[in-house]
Amino acid sequence: MTHGGGVNSYAKNSKLQEKSLLETTPLIEKAIEEVCSTHLPKRMLVADLGCSSGPNTLMFISLVIRVTGECCDKISHGPLDIQFFLNDLPDNDFNYLFKSLDQLDNLVAKHKNGQAVVALMPRYYVAGLPSSFYTRLFPEKSVHLFHSSYALHWRSKESNDKGGFLNDWNIYIARTTPKSTIRLYQDLFDKDFSNFLELRSQELVHGGQIVLTFVGRKNDDVFDGNLNVFYGLLAQALQSLVMEGVVEKEKLDSFNIPIYGPSVREVEAVVKRSKLFSINQIGIFEPNWDPYDDSEEGDDVVDPIQSGINVANCARAILGQLLATHFGESVLDVVFSRYACNVAEYLEKTKRGKHSVILMSLSARN
């Protein structure tokens, strides 16, 4: 993610992720209630995996604090301590994240809606944990609640790590993508997600809870997903630079975004095969591509040009550093300017773009 708090930063362009966090709030509340009623703990360990550095992390922390305080009040449980671990890869902007923690007290204060809740408001402590969540992170049976938002669609490595150009002219799954390459995407998702579940099962306490949000697709057809179109329009922007000689074709052919959006059926299959968790709830949330477009009905976009710009800004905050590393930072402005135009044209001629976001709540089995 793009660091800092500038105009292109993730911190300033994560409203889409905020919408999904708000959508999962009931799942998070239910998970906390289950932990409090099952364990009556004096201290609770909560981990946010793939936290990045935007304001949504603070929103999640304040939500957990509020709900935990309300649960303690409801069951007449004394105030408890909450230890938060904020996890992401080592090159995450932890400096920006921790500088923003001074806003937490103000956020928590907004949730103090009565003397009883104030008296039981948990004490909280926050620590960073720079590491991949595809590795073991915590001691055995130590974590009460795992949360991960907009992170698990990222793969542990690129799908073409065996070398060679396996997805000519594309950066994600397209109609021209070879079946062997599609299988690499699917196999890596299966391996990564299975590994993730195994690791978390070792770290969760008995009765521990997991709430996950990640981009996927609602259809079984691997070609019929919103990510196919979303990244296809970005591929077109890169292809135009290849045709103009600005970017080498070899550079494009050797690049695949290390993301895979699984179907709900694929996700359920991995969970059931693991026999480690019970699925409490799973569903699809479909926010608009443009996070500032709150329309829920109809296909027409009021201002396709502005929506294209909004979508491109969000995509740049997430993918900008990845593209800069591979293609060079000098191409970013023109790539995302053309991407904005491609998105605007798509929205004007076709229909409102939608993401397919999988929301899921899991409980550790006995």
Protein backbone atom coordinates (compact mmCIF):
# COMPACT_ATOMS: atom_id res chain seq x y z
CA MET A 1 0.00 0.00 0.00
CA THR A 2 1.11 3.56 -0.67
CA HIS A 3 2.61 5.00 2.52
CA GLY A 4 1.96 8.23 4.39
CA GLY A 5 -1.07 10.48 4.38
CA GLY A 6 -0.70 12.14 0.99
CA VAL A 7 -3.26 12.42 -1.79
CA ASN A 8 -2.29 9.03 -3.28
CA SER A 9 -1.86 7.22 0.04
CA TYR A 10 -3.85 4.24 1.22
CA ALA A 11 -4.80 6.20 4.34
CA LYS A 12 -6.62 8.76 2.15
CA ASN A 13 -8.10 6.22 -0.29
CA SER A 14 -9.55 3.40 1.81
CA LYS A 15 -13.23 4.34 1.92
CA LEU A 16 -14.15 1.15 0.07
CA GLN A 17 -12.53 -0.90 2.84
CA GLU A 18 -14.37 1.23 5.40
CA LYS A 19 -17.69 0.26 3.84
CA SER A 20 -16.85 -3.43 4.16
CA LEU A 21 -15.78 -2.96 7.77
CA LEU A 22 -19.11 -1.34 8.54
CA GLU A 23 -20.86 -4.23 6.79
CA THR A 24 -19.03 -6.77 8.99
CA THR A 25 -19.74 -4.90 12.24
CA PRO A 26 -22.59 -7.28 13.25
CA LEU A 27 -20.27 -10.27 12.70
CA ILE A 28 -17.56 -8.68 14.83
CA GLU A 29 -20.05 -7.83 17.57
CA LYS A 30 -21.37 -11.39 17.61
CA ALA A 31 -17.84 -12.83 17.71
CA ILE A 32 -16.91 -10.66 20.71
CA GLU A 33 -20.10 -11.62 22.53
CA GLU A 34 -19.28 -15.30 21.97
CA VAL A 35 -15.74 -14.87 23.33
CA CYS A 36 -16.90 -12.94 26.41
CA SER A 37 -19.70 -15.37 27.25
CA THR A 38 -17.55 -18.45 26.67
CA HIS A 39 -14.37 -17.38 28.44
CA LEU A 40 -15.16 -14.53 30.82
CA PRO A 41 -11.50 -13.58 30.35
CA LYS A 42 -9.56 -11.08 32.44
CA ARG A 43 -7.57 -10.25 29.34
CA MET A 44 -8.35 -10.72 25.67
CA LEU A 45 -5.90 -10.92 22.77
CA VAL A 46 -7.18 -9.55 19.46
CA ALA A 47 -5.20 -9.66 16.20
CA ASP A 48 -5.90 -7.57 13.09
CA LEU A 49 -4.17 -9.34 10.19
CA GLY A 50 -3.23 -7.26 7.16
CA CYS A 51 -4.03 -4.07 9.05
CA SER A 52 -2.31 -1.64 6.61
CA SER A 53 -2.10 1.95 7.87
CA GLY A 54 -5.40 3.70 7.25
CA PRO A 55 -8.11 4.93 9.62
CA ASN A 56 -10.05 1.66 9.34
CA THR A 57 -7.63 -0.02 11.74
CA LEU A 58 -8.49 2.58 14.38
CA MET A 59 -12.18 2.09 13.65
CA PHE A 60 -11.81 -1.64 14.23
CA ILE A 61 -9.95 -1.16 17.52
CA SER A 62 -12.52 1.30 18.83
CA LEU A 63 -15.34 -1.06 17.80
CA VAL A 64 -13.80 -3.95 19.73
CA ILE A 65 -13.29 -1.75 22.80
CA ARG A 66 -16.88 -0.50 22.71
CA VAL A 67 -18.49 -3.90 22.18
CA THR A 68 -16.31 -5.57 24.81
CA GLY A 69 -17.27 -2.89 27.34
CA GLU A 70 -20.95 -3.40 26.56
CA CYS A 71 -20.60 -7.18 26.91
CA CYS A 72 -18.88 -6.83 30.27
CA ASP A 73 -21.69 -4.57 31.42
CA LYS A 74 -24.37 -6.98 30.18
CA ILE A 75 -22.97 -10.01 32.01
CA SER A 76 -21.77 -8.05 35.07
CA HIS A 77 -18.18 -8.92 34.32
CA GLY A 78 -15.41 -6.74 35.66
CA PRO A 79 -13.37 -4.59 33.25
CA LEU A 80 -10.77 -6.49 31.28
CA ASP A 81 -7.60 -5.71 29.39
CA ILE A 82 -7.41 -6.02 25.61
CA GLN A 83 -4.09 -6.59 23.88
CA PHE A 84 -4.25 -5.66 20.20
CA PHE A 85 -1.67 -6.91 17.74
CA LEU A 86 -1.61 -5.08 14.40
CA ASN A 87 -0.08 -7.33 11.78
CA ASP A 88 1.11 -6.67 8.25
CA LEU A 89 4.19 -7.24 6.12
CA PRO A 90 7.41 -5.59 7.35
CA ASP A 91 7.29 -2.88 4.65
CA ASN A 92 3.87 -1.71 5.86
CA ASP A 93 3.78 1.92 7.01
CA PHE A 94 3.78 1.15 10.73
CA ASN A 95 5.23 4.60 11.48
CA TYR A 96 2.15 6.34 10.06
CA LEU A 97 -0.13 3.81 11.76
CA PHE A 98 1.31 4.31 15.21
CA LYS A 99 1.46 8.08 14.87
CA SER A 100 -2.29 7.96 14.28
CA LEU A 101 -3.00 6.01 17.46
CA ASP A 102 -3.39 9.24 19.41
CA GLN A 103 -6.78 9.52 17.70
CA LEU A 104 -7.95 6.37 19.47
CA ASP A 105 -8.86 8.07 22.73
CA ASN A 106 -11.20 10.40 20.85
CA LEU A 107 -12.81 7.50 18.98
CA VAL A 108 -13.26 5.47 22.16
CA ALA A 109 -14.71 8.50 23.96
CA LYS A 110 -17.48 8.72 21.36
CA HIS A 111 -18.61 5.24 22.42
CA LYS A 112 -18.94 6.05 26.12
CA ASN A 113 -22.70 6.41 26.30
CA GLY A 114 -23.37 5.90 30.00
CA GLN A 115 -21.73 5.66 33.39
CA ALA A 116 -22.04 1.86 33.55
CA VAL A 117 -20.23 1.44 30.24
CA VAL A 118 -17.64 4.03 31.18
CA ALA A 119 -16.88 2.18 34.40
CA LEU A 120 -16.35 -1.08 32.52
CA MET A 121 -14.52 0.34 29.52
CA PRO A 122 -11.60 -2.01 28.87
CA ARG A 123 -8.02 -0.91 29.15
CA TYR A 124 -6.28 -1.46 25.83
CA TYR A 125 -2.73 -1.90 24.63
CA VAL A 126 -1.55 -1.86 21.03
CA ALA A 127 1.53 -3.50 19.50
CA GLY A 128 2.78 -4.02 15.95
CA LEU A 129 3.57 -7.41 14.48
CA PRO A 130 5.47 -7.15 11.17
CA SER A 131 5.26 -10.54 9.47
CA SER A 132 3.30 -12.48 6.86
CA PHE A 133 0.04 -13.98 8.13
CA TYR A 134 0.92 -17.04 6.07
CA THR A 135 3.39 -17.88 8.86
CA ARG A 136 2.93 -18.72 12.53
CA LEU A 137 2.45 -15.51 14.52
CA PHE A 138 1.36 -16.31 18.09
CA PRO A 139 1.91 -18.86 20.88
CA GLU A 140 -0.38 -21.85 20.92
CA LYS A 141 -3.95 -21.22 22.12
CA SER A 142 -3.39 -17.54 22.92
CA VAL A 143 -5.66 -15.51 20.59
CA HIS A 144 -9.35 -14.89 21.27
CA LEU A 145 -10.31 -13.03 18.09
CA PHE A 146 -8.72 -12.83 14.65
CA HIS A 147 -9.88 -10.18 12.23
CA SER A 148 -8.72 -9.63 8.66
CA SER A 149 -10.20 -7.13 6.23
CA TYR A 150 -9.33 -6.87 2.52
CA ALA A 151 -6.19 -8.97 2.82
CA LEU A 152 -6.75 -12.68 2.18
CA HIS A 153 -7.19 -12.29 -1.57
CA TRP A 154 -3.46 -11.46 -1.65
CA ARG A 155 -1.38 -14.54 -2.40
CA SER A 156 1.83 -15.52 -0.62
CA LYS A 157 3.72 -15.25 -3.91
CA GLU A 158 3.09 -14.60 -7.60
CA SER A 159 1.36 -17.33 -9.57
CA ASN A 160 4.13 -17.35 -12.21
CA ASP A 161 7.03 -17.85 -9.81
CA LYS A 162 8.14 -20.93 -11.78
CA GLY A 163 9.40 -18.60 -14.49
CA GLY A 164 8.35 -18.00 -18.06
CA PHE A 165 5.54 -15.90 -19.48
CA LEU A 166 2.41 -17.78 -18.48
CA ASN A 167 -0.23 -15.10 -19.00
CA ASP A 168 0.70 -13.25 -22.18
CA TRP A 169 -0.61 -9.65 -22.37
CA ASN A 170 -2.67 -9.98 -19.15
CA ILE A 171 -2.12 -9.16 -15.46
CA TYR A 172 -4.97 -11.26 -14.04
CA ILE A 173 -7.29 -13.99 -15.28
CA ALA A 174 -8.72 -13.15 -18.71
CA ARG A 175 -10.41 -15.12 -21.48
CA THR A 176 -7.01 -15.66 -23.11
CA THR A 177 -5.34 -16.90 -19.92
CA PRO A 178 -4.14 -20.51 -20.34
CA LYS A 179 -5.91 -23.14 -18.24
CA SER A 180 -2.56 -24.10 -16.71
CA THR A 181 -2.10 -20.55 -15.40
CA ILE A 182 -5.63 -20.44 -14.01
CA ARG A 183 -4.86 -23.66 -12.20
CA LEU A 184 -1.77 -22.05 -10.68
CA TYR A 185 -3.93 -19.24 -9.30
CA GLN A 186 -6.44 -21.72 -7.86
CA ASP A 187 -3.84 -24.07 -6.42
CA LEU A 188 -2.01 -21.23 -4.72
CA PHE A 189 -5.24 -19.92 -3.18
CA ASP A 190 -6.09 -23.41 -1.94
CA LYS A 191 -2.62 -23.84 -0.45
CA ASP A 192 -2.50 -20.37 1.11
CA PHE A 193 -5.97 -20.44 2.62
CA SER A 194 -5.53 -23.98 3.95
CA ASN A 195 -2.25 -22.91 5.53
CA PHE A 196 -3.87 -19.79 6.99
CA LEU A 197 -6.62 -21.84 8.64
CA GLU A 198 -4.19 -24.40 10.02
CA LEU A 199 -2.00 -21.70 11.58
CA ARG A 200 -4.92 -19.81 13.09
CA SER A 201 -6.39 -23.01 14.55
CA GLN A 202 -3.14 -23.57 16.43
CA GLU A 203 -3.16 -20.01 17.78
CA LEU A 204 -6.85 -19.67 18.72
CA VAL A 205 -8.11 -20.45 22.20
CA HIS A 206 -10.94 -22.94 22.59
CA GLY A 207 -14.06 -21.20 21.32
CA GLY A 208 -12.02 -18.50 19.59
CA GLN A 209 -13.53 -16.54 16.70
CA ILE A 210 -12.40 -15.36 13.25
CA VAL A 211 -14.04 -12.65 11.12
CA LEU A 212 -12.76 -12.31 7.55
CA THR A 213 -13.44 -9.93 4.67
CA PHE A 214 -11.78 -10.40 1.30
CA VAL A 215 -12.47 -9.85 -2.38
CA GLY A 216 -13.83 -12.83 -4.29
CA ARG A 217 -16.63 -13.65 -6.69
CA LYS A 218 -20.16 -14.96 -6.34
CA ASN A 219 -20.10 -17.10 -9.48
CA ASP A 220 -18.34 -20.43 -9.96
CA ASP A 221 -17.14 -19.43 -13.45
CA VAL A 222 -13.55 -18.24 -12.98
CA PHE A 223 -13.98 -15.81 -15.90
CA ASP A 224 -17.21 -14.32 -14.52
CA GLY A 225 -15.94 -12.16 -11.68
CA ASN A 226 -15.69 -8.44 -11.07
CA LEU A 227 -11.92 -8.66 -10.65
CA ASN A 228 -11.61 -9.94 -14.23
CA VAL A 229 -13.08 -6.68 -15.55
CA PHE A 230 -11.50 -4.46 -12.89
CA TYR A 231 -7.95 -5.65 -13.66
CA GLY A 232 -8.68 -6.11 -17.34
CA LEU A 233 -9.20 -2.34 -17.64
CA LEU A 234 -5.86 -1.78 -15.87
CA ALA A 235 -4.21 -4.25 -18.24
CA GLN A 236 -5.54 -2.19 -21.17
CA ALA A 237 -3.81 0.89 -19.76
CA LEU A 238 -0.52 -0.99 -19.55
CA GLN A 239 -1.03 -2.49 -23.02
CA SER A 240 -1.38 1.00 -24.51
CA LEU A 241 2.03 1.91 -23.10
CA VAL A 242 3.52 -1.22 -24.64
CA MET A 243 2.10 -0.30 -28.05
CA GLU A 244 3.63 3.17 -27.70
CA GLY A 245 7.01 1.73 -26.77
CA VAL A 246 6.99 3.26 -23.28
CA VAL A 247 6.87 -0.16 -21.57
CA GLU A 248 8.55 -3.31 -22.87
CA LYS A 249 6.14 -6.12 -23.75
CA GLU A 250 8.36 -8.51 -21.83
CA LYS A 251 7.74 -6.42 -18.73
CA LEU A 252 3.98 -6.75 -19.14
CA ASP A 253 4.07 -10.45 -19.98
CA SER A 254 6.16 -11.20 -16.89
CA PHE A 255 3.78 -9.42 -14.51
CA ASN A 256 0.79 -10.94 -12.75
CA ILE A 257 -0.97 -9.29 -9.82
CA PRO A 258 -0.54 -11.71 -6.87
CA ILE A 259 -4.26 -11.72 -6.12
CA TYR A 260 -6.97 -14.31 -6.58
CA GLY A 261 -10.67 -13.72 -5.97
CA PRO A 262 -12.14 -17.12 -5.02
CA SER A 263 -15.79 -18.09 -5.34
CA VAL A 264 -17.88 -18.62 -2.23
CA ARG A 265 -17.99 -22.31 -3.10
CA GLU A 266 -14.17 -22.49 -3.24
CA VAL A 267 -13.88 -20.82 0.15
CA GLU A 268 -16.45 -23.13 1.74
CA ALA A 269 -14.71 -26.18 0.28
CA VAL A 270 -11.35 -25.29 1.87
CA VAL A 271 -12.93 -24.60 5.26
CA LYS A 272 -14.92 -27.83 5.27
CA ARG A 273 -11.98 -29.90 4.10
CA SER A 274 -9.81 -28.55 6.91
CA LYS A 275 -12.31 -29.74 9.57
CA LEU A 276 -10.88 -27.05 11.85
CA PHE A 277 -13.67 -24.47 11.87
CA SER A 278 -17.42 -24.14 11.75
CA ILE A 279 -18.80 -21.53 9.37
CA ASN A 280 -21.11 -19.30 11.38
CA GLN A 281 -21.98 -17.09 8.46
CA ILE A 282 -20.79 -16.46 4.91
CA GLY A 283 -22.14 -14.12 2.30
CA ILE A 284 -21.41 -11.58 -0.41
CA PHE A 285 -21.34 -7.80 -0.05
CA GLU A 286 -21.42 -5.86 -3.33
CA PRO A 287 -20.21 -2.26 -2.97
CA ASN A 288 -19.83 -0.08 -6.02
CA TRP A 289 -16.39 0.27 -7.59
CA ASP A 290 -16.59 3.97 -6.82
CA PRO A 291 -16.55 4.14 -3.00
CA TYR A 292 -18.18 7.57 -3.12
CA ASP A 293 -21.13 6.25 -5.12
CA ASP A 294 -23.68 5.08 -2.56
CA SER A 295 -26.41 4.29 -5.08
CA GLU A 296 -27.94 0.88 -4.52
CA GLU A 297 -30.36 0.63 -7.41
CA GLY A 298 -30.04 1.00 -11.17
CA ASP A 299 -27.08 0.61 -13.47
CA ASP A 300 -26.60 4.21 -14.59
CA VAL A 301 -23.67 6.14 -13.12
CA VAL A 302 -24.36 9.85 -12.63
CA ASP A 303 -20.80 11.03 -13.36
CA PRO A 304 -18.72 8.29 -15.05
CA ILE A 305 -15.66 10.56 -15.41
CA GLN A 306 -15.51 11.38 -11.70
CA SER A 307 -16.23 7.78 -10.78
CA GLY A 308 -13.37 6.70 -13.04
CA ILE A 309 -11.04 9.06 -11.19
CA ASN A 310 -12.25 7.81 -7.81
CA VAL A 311 -11.75 4.17 -8.79
CA ALA A 312 -8.28 4.87 -10.18
CA ASN A 313 -7.25 6.69 -7.01
CA CYS A 314 -8.29 3.73 -4.87
CA ALA A 315 -6.51 1.28 -7.17
CA ARG A 316 -3.35 3.38 -7.18
CA ALA A 317 -3.25 3.47 -3.37
CA ILE A 318 -3.29 -0.34 -3.35
CA LEU A 319 -1.29 -1.23 -6.45
CA GLY A 320 0.90 1.81 -7.06
CA GLN A 321 3.98 0.55 -5.24
CA LEU A 322 3.64 -2.89 -6.82
CA LEU A 323 3.53 -1.42 -10.34
CA ALA A 324 6.32 1.04 -9.57
CA THR A 325 8.61 -1.78 -8.51
CA HIS A 326 8.02 -3.71 -11.73
CA PHE A 327 7.48 -1.02 -14.38
CA GLY A 328 9.14 2.01 -12.80
CA GLU A 329 7.59 4.87 -10.87
CA SER A 330 7.72 7.17 -13.88
CA VAL A 331 4.78 5.41 -15.55
CA LEU A 332 2.35 5.60 -12.62
CA ASP A 333 0.71 8.92 -13.47
CA VAL A 334 -0.04 7.98 -17.07
CA VAL A 335 -1.08 4.40 -16.23
CA PHE A 336 -3.67 5.44 -13.68
CA SER A 337 -4.83 8.39 -15.77
CA ARG A 338 -5.59 6.00 -18.63
CA TYR A 339 -7.09 3.51 -16.20
CA ALA A 340 -9.46 6.24 -14.98
CA CYS A 341 -10.52 6.85 -18.59
CA ASN A 342 -11.01 3.12 -19.22
CA VAL A 343 -13.16 2.80 -16.10
CA ALA A 344 -15.21 5.86 -17.04
CA GLU A 345 -15.83 4.49 -20.53
CA TYR A 346 -16.85 1.11 -19.10
CA LEU A 347 -19.25 2.71 -16.62
CA GLU A 348 -20.77 4.91 -19.31
CA LYS A 349 -21.27 2.17 -21.90
CA THR A 350 -21.94 -0.86 -19.74
CA LYS A 351 -23.16 -0.58 -16.16
CA ARG A 352 -22.19 0.32 -12.62
CA GLY A 353 -19.19 -1.74 -11.54
CA LYS A 354 -19.54 -3.84 -8.41
CA HIS A 355 -17.02 -5.59 -6.20
CA SER A 356 -17.84 -9.01 -4.75
CA VAL A 357 -16.62 -9.03 -1.17
CA ILE A 358 -16.84 -12.25 0.85
CA LEU A 359 -17.83 -11.77 4.50
CA MET A 360 -17.26 -14.74 6.75
CA SER A 361 -17.37 -15.64 10.42
CA LEU A 362 -15.72 -18.81 11.76
CA SER A 363 -15.63 -20.57 15.12
CA ALA A 364 -12.86 -22.92 16.18
CA ARG A 365 -14.10 -26.49 16.53
CA ASN A 366 -13.57 -28.43 19.75
